[in-house]
Protein backbone atom coordinates (compact mmCIF):
# COMPACT_ATOMS: atom_id res chain seq x y z
CA MET A 1 10.53 -51.55 -6.01
CA ASN A 2 12.30 -48.79 -7.93
CA HIS A 3 13.27 -45.97 -5.57
CA GLN A 4 14.50 -43.58 -8.24
CA PRO A 5 12.22 -40.53 -7.97
CA LEU A 6 9.77 -40.13 -10.85
CA VAL A 7 9.60 -36.71 -12.51
CA LEU A 8 6.88 -35.41 -14.82
CA ILE A 9 8.00 -32.48 -16.96
CA SER A 10 5.95 -30.72 -19.58
CA GLY A 11 7.51 -29.66 -22.87
CA GLY A 12 10.63 -31.78 -22.60
CA SER A 13 11.16 -32.50 -26.29
CA LYS A 14 13.37 -29.52 -27.17
CA GLY A 15 15.08 -26.39 -25.88
CA LEU A 16 15.28 -25.81 -22.14
CA GLY A 17 12.91 -28.68 -21.37
CA LEU A 18 15.08 -31.16 -23.25
CA GLU A 19 18.20 -30.03 -21.38
CA ILE A 20 16.41 -30.44 -18.05
CA VAL A 21 15.31 -33.95 -19.07
CA LYS A 22 18.89 -34.88 -19.98
CA ARG A 23 20.28 -33.61 -16.69
CA LEU A 24 17.60 -35.42 -14.70
CA LEU A 25 18.35 -38.71 -16.46
CA GLN A 26 22.10 -38.27 -15.94
CA ALA A 27 21.44 -37.67 -12.23
CA GLY A 28 19.50 -40.93 -11.92
CA TYR A 29 15.91 -39.71 -11.96
CA ARG A 30 13.18 -41.47 -13.90
CA VAL A 31 11.53 -39.01 -16.26
CA VAL A 32 8.21 -38.77 -18.09
CA THR A 33 7.71 -35.88 -20.48
CA PHE A 34 5.18 -34.82 -23.05
CA SER A 35 4.80 -32.29 -25.82
CA ARG A 36 2.66 -31.90 -28.90
CA LYS A 37 5.04 -34.04 -30.96
CA SER A 38 8.18 -36.10 -30.55
CA THR A 39 11.64 -35.16 -31.84
CA SER A 40 14.74 -37.04 -32.89
CA GLU A 41 16.30 -36.13 -29.53
CA VAL A 42 13.38 -37.76 -27.72
CA GLU A 43 13.79 -40.92 -29.80
CA THR A 44 17.48 -41.02 -28.93
CA LEU A 45 16.77 -40.66 -25.21
CA SER A 46 14.17 -43.43 -25.40
CA GLN A 47 16.83 -45.76 -26.79
CA THR A 48 19.55 -44.61 -24.39
CA TYR A 49 17.41 -44.75 -21.24
CA PRO A 50 14.74 -47.41 -21.96
CA GLN A 51 14.15 -48.12 -18.27
CA SER A 52 13.99 -44.53 -17.05
CA PHE A 53 12.60 -42.30 -19.80
CA TRP A 54 9.10 -42.18 -21.27
CA PHE A 55 7.42 -39.80 -23.71
CA PHE A 56 3.82 -39.27 -24.74
CA GLU A 57 2.10 -36.73 -26.94
CA GLY A 58 0.11 -34.14 -25.02
CA ASP A 59 -1.02 -30.55 -25.37
CA MET A 60 -1.03 -27.97 -22.57
CA SER A 61 -4.04 -26.33 -24.19
CA GLN A 62 -6.01 -29.52 -23.56
CA VAL A 63 -4.88 -30.60 -20.10
CA GLU A 64 -8.14 -32.38 -19.31
CA ALA A 65 -7.23 -34.95 -21.96
CA LEU A 66 -4.03 -35.75 -20.05
CA GLU A 67 -5.78 -37.09 -16.96
CA PRO A 68 -5.93 -40.72 -18.22
CA GLN A 69 -2.20 -40.54 -18.99
CA ILE A 70 -1.44 -39.24 -15.50
CA LYS A 71 -3.40 -42.11 -13.96
CA ARG A 72 -1.64 -44.62 -16.21
CA ILE A 73 1.77 -43.24 -15.24
CA GLU A 74 0.99 -43.61 -11.55
CA LYS A 75 -0.31 -47.13 -12.06
CA ASP A 76 2.53 -48.39 -14.25
CA LEU A 77 5.55 -46.42 -13.04
CA GLY A 78 4.71 -45.36 -9.49
CA PRO A 79 4.04 -42.02 -7.80
CA ILE A 80 4.93 -38.76 -9.50
CA GLU A 81 7.11 -37.16 -6.85
CA ILE A 82 8.25 -34.12 -8.84
CA LEU A 83 6.35 -31.94 -11.31
CA ILE A 84 8.22 -29.47 -13.52
CA ASN A 85 5.95 -27.06 -15.38
CA ASN A 86 8.20 -26.10 -18.26
CA ALA A 87 6.01 -25.96 -21.38
CA GLY A 88 5.12 -22.52 -22.64
CA ILE A 89 4.62 -20.47 -25.77
CA ALA A 90 5.27 -16.88 -26.78
CA ARG A 91 3.33 -14.68 -29.16
CA ASP A 92 4.96 -11.28 -29.49
CA GLY A 93 3.27 -8.09 -30.61
CA VAL A 94 2.40 -4.74 -29.06
CA LEU A 95 -0.87 -5.10 -27.21
CA PRO A 96 -3.14 -2.64 -29.09
CA ILE A 97 -2.69 -4.54 -32.34
CA GLN A 98 -2.16 -8.06 -30.99
CA SER A 99 -4.94 -10.47 -31.85
CA VAL A 100 -7.31 -11.60 -29.12
CA GLU A 101 -6.61 -15.17 -30.20
CA ASP A 102 -2.88 -14.78 -29.52
CA ILE A 103 -3.55 -13.23 -26.11
CA GLU A 104 -5.94 -16.00 -25.10
CA THR A 105 -3.63 -18.74 -26.39
CA VAL A 106 -0.63 -17.50 -24.40
CA ILE A 107 -2.60 -17.13 -21.17
CA HIS A 108 -4.40 -20.43 -21.66
CA VAL A 109 -1.25 -22.46 -22.29
CA ASN A 110 1.24 -20.71 -20.02
CA LEU A 111 -0.95 -20.09 -17.00
CA VAL A 112 -4.34 -21.82 -17.13
CA GLY A 113 -2.80 -25.02 -18.48
CA VAL A 114 -0.18 -25.03 -15.75
CA LEU A 115 -2.83 -24.50 -13.08
CA LYS A 116 -4.87 -27.39 -14.45
CA LEU A 117 -1.90 -29.77 -14.71
CA THR A 118 -0.72 -28.84 -11.22
CA ARG A 119 -4.25 -29.44 -9.93
CA LEU A 120 -4.21 -32.98 -11.35
CA VAL A 121 -0.78 -33.93 -10.05
CA SER A 122 -0.97 -32.15 -6.68
CA ARG A 123 -4.08 -34.14 -5.76
CA LEU A 124 -1.93 -37.25 -5.82
CA MET A 125 0.92 -35.58 -3.92
CA ILE A 126 -1.45 -34.38 -1.20
CA VAL A 127 -2.67 -37.92 -0.53
CA ARG A 128 0.93 -39.08 -0.08
CA LYS A 129 1.96 -35.91 1.81
CA ARG A 130 5.11 -35.36 -0.21
CA GLY A 131 6.15 -33.77 -3.46
CA CYS A 132 8.00 -30.99 -5.21
CA ILE A 133 6.77 -28.61 -7.92
CA ILE A 134 8.93 -26.34 -10.07
CA ASN A 135 7.42 -23.67 -12.32
CA ILE A 136 9.56 -22.25 -15.12
CA SER A 137 8.66 -18.57 -15.32
CA SER A 138 10.78 -15.75 -16.82
CA ILE A 139 12.44 -12.48 -15.94
CA VAL A 140 9.93 -10.74 -18.24
CA GLY A 141 7.36 -11.56 -15.57
CA LEU A 142 9.45 -9.54 -13.13
CA ARG A 143 10.45 -6.54 -15.24
CA GLY A 144 8.36 -6.70 -18.42
CA TYR A 145 9.44 -6.40 -22.01
CA ARG A 146 8.05 -4.47 -24.96
CA GLY A 147 5.80 -6.56 -27.18
CA LEU A 148 5.37 -9.35 -24.63
CA ALA A 149 2.50 -8.12 -22.44
CA ALA A 150 0.52 -11.36 -22.53
CA TYR A 151 3.61 -13.52 -22.10
CA SER A 152 4.87 -11.33 -19.24
CA ALA A 153 1.47 -11.52 -17.57
CA SER A 154 1.40 -15.31 -17.85
CA LYS A 155 4.86 -15.68 -16.34
CA ALA A 156 4.15 -13.22 -13.53
CA GLY A 157 1.07 -15.31 -12.85
CA LEU A 158 3.25 -18.40 -12.44
CA ASP A 159 5.33 -16.67 -9.78
CA GLY A 160 2.17 -15.62 -7.95
CA MET A 161 0.84 -19.15 -8.20
CA THR A 162 4.14 -20.42 -6.79
CA ARG A 163 3.86 -18.29 -3.66
CA ALA A 164 0.20 -19.12 -3.10
CA LEU A 165 0.68 -22.87 -3.51
CA ALA A 166 3.74 -22.86 -1.26
CA ARG A 167 1.45 -21.66 1.53
CA GLU A 168 -1.37 -23.95 0.49
CA PHE A 169 0.72 -27.12 0.23
CA GLY A 170 3.36 -26.54 2.90
CA GLU A 171 1.53 -28.47 5.60
CA LYS A 172 1.32 -31.41 3.18
CA ASN A 173 5.12 -31.51 2.82
CA ILE A 174 4.96 -30.29 -0.79
CA ARG A 175 7.44 -27.63 -1.84
CA VAL A 176 6.67 -25.19 -4.67
CA ASN A 177 9.28 -22.94 -6.28
CA SER A 178 9.79 -21.16 -9.57
CA ILE A 179 12.80 -20.39 -11.73
CA ALA A 180 12.92 -17.20 -13.77
CA PRO A 181 15.50 -17.54 -16.54
CA GLY A 182 16.91 -14.56 -18.37
CA TYR A 183 17.79 -14.55 -22.05
CA LEU A 184 18.94 -18.02 -23.04
CA ILE A 185 20.57 -19.40 -26.15
CA THR A 186 17.58 -21.41 -27.37
CA GLU A 187 15.23 -21.50 -30.32
CA MET A 188 13.29 -18.61 -28.77
CA THR A 189 16.31 -16.26 -29.06
CA GLY A 190 17.52 -17.82 -32.29
CA THR A 191 15.28 -15.49 -34.27
CA MET A 192 16.80 -12.36 -32.72
CA ASP A 193 19.10 -10.32 -34.91
CA GLU A 194 22.72 -10.11 -33.84
CA GLU A 195 22.51 -6.43 -32.86
CA HIS A 196 19.67 -7.16 -30.45
CA LYS A 197 21.62 -10.04 -28.89
CA GLN A 198 24.66 -7.82 -28.42
CA GLN A 199 22.51 -5.17 -26.71
CA ILE A 200 21.30 -7.78 -24.23
CA ILE A 201 24.83 -9.04 -23.64
CA ARG A 202 26.06 -5.49 -22.98
CA ARG A 203 23.31 -5.02 -20.37
CA THR A 204 24.19 -8.32 -18.67
CA PRO A 205 26.79 -8.00 -15.89
CA LEU A 206 28.19 -11.47 -16.64
CA GLY A 207 28.57 -10.48 -20.27
CA ARG A 208 26.84 -13.34 -22.05
CA LEU A 209 23.51 -14.97 -22.79
CA GLY A 210 22.46 -17.81 -20.52
CA THR A 211 22.35 -21.44 -21.56
CA PRO A 212 19.83 -24.19 -20.86
CA GLN A 213 22.56 -25.86 -18.81
CA ASP A 214 22.62 -22.86 -16.46
CA VAL A 215 18.95 -23.39 -15.67
CA ALA A 216 18.99 -27.20 -15.57
CA GLY A 217 21.56 -27.17 -12.78
CA ALA A 218 19.30 -24.94 -10.69
CA VAL A 219 16.36 -27.28 -11.26
CA LEU A 220 18.43 -30.20 -9.95
CA PHE A 221 19.28 -28.20 -6.84
CA LEU A 222 15.71 -27.13 -6.09
CA ILE A 223 14.32 -30.66 -6.34
CA SER A 224 17.12 -32.14 -4.25
CA PRO A 225 17.22 -32.72 -0.47
CA ASP A 226 19.70 -29.82 -0.29
CA ALA A 227 16.75 -27.49 -0.94
CA ALA A 228 14.45 -29.14 1.61
CA PHE A 229 13.74 -25.83 3.41
CA ILE A 230 13.16 -23.73 0.30
CA THR A 231 9.60 -23.09 -0.84
CA GLY A 232 7.66 -20.17 -2.29
CA HIS A 233 10.84 -18.79 -3.84
CA THR A 234 11.51 -17.48 -7.37
CA LEU A 235 15.13 -18.12 -8.32
CA VAL A 236 16.29 -15.65 -10.97
CA ILE A 237 18.96 -16.93 -13.37
CA ASP A 238 19.76 -14.03 -15.65
CA GLY A 239 23.46 -13.17 -15.39
CA GLY A 240 22.56 -10.10 -13.35
CA VAL A 241 20.23 -8.33 -15.79
CA THR A 242 17.63 -7.59 -13.11
CA CYS A 243 20.03 -6.72 -10.29
């Protein structure tokens, strides 16, 4: 029997999710991820780690359709011991003129979808009385940001969900934590103009934007035995912006 822990991570085909997947594989975890479509990086990982990496197409706006995949994973690969809720979308725009569709999409994917996926996977963890769940939130859920009301609300909701589930699942030996990254060098900040980036850097005590690697290392810590007594916590990784 393979004793490498099995991790399910949403949105692991690019950006922060992809970096987390890479670090997990390098650390010896077996990893299953899904997103709406594959990427060349996913194909490369499939070839490099054929015995420990799997990808399938799935949409966080249609979590109910993922249930057969979750059952198949458990049957073919073994128990999902770690769930990382990473997938999310942003739709910016000041609230009075933002479309209702954009508001509903952000909340549905970033919060309702995560609740539904966690519901599916936690049922299995509860039966086994072990597991670990990590929710990727954001510092905008802690301090807000102009033009991101719906996104901020969804990420604040994840932190609230984290605390509630930590209490709910603690007696079942399931830990639940969240990570709130600051401004990272990813596709999401790639559209910022240089002046805006420099403003953020000037406001950051450590004097730089974060990287996906900064966050991936924290994920590895929180799912490890070294964090066995940590639950219900939101770990902020922002270079000091919110201090």
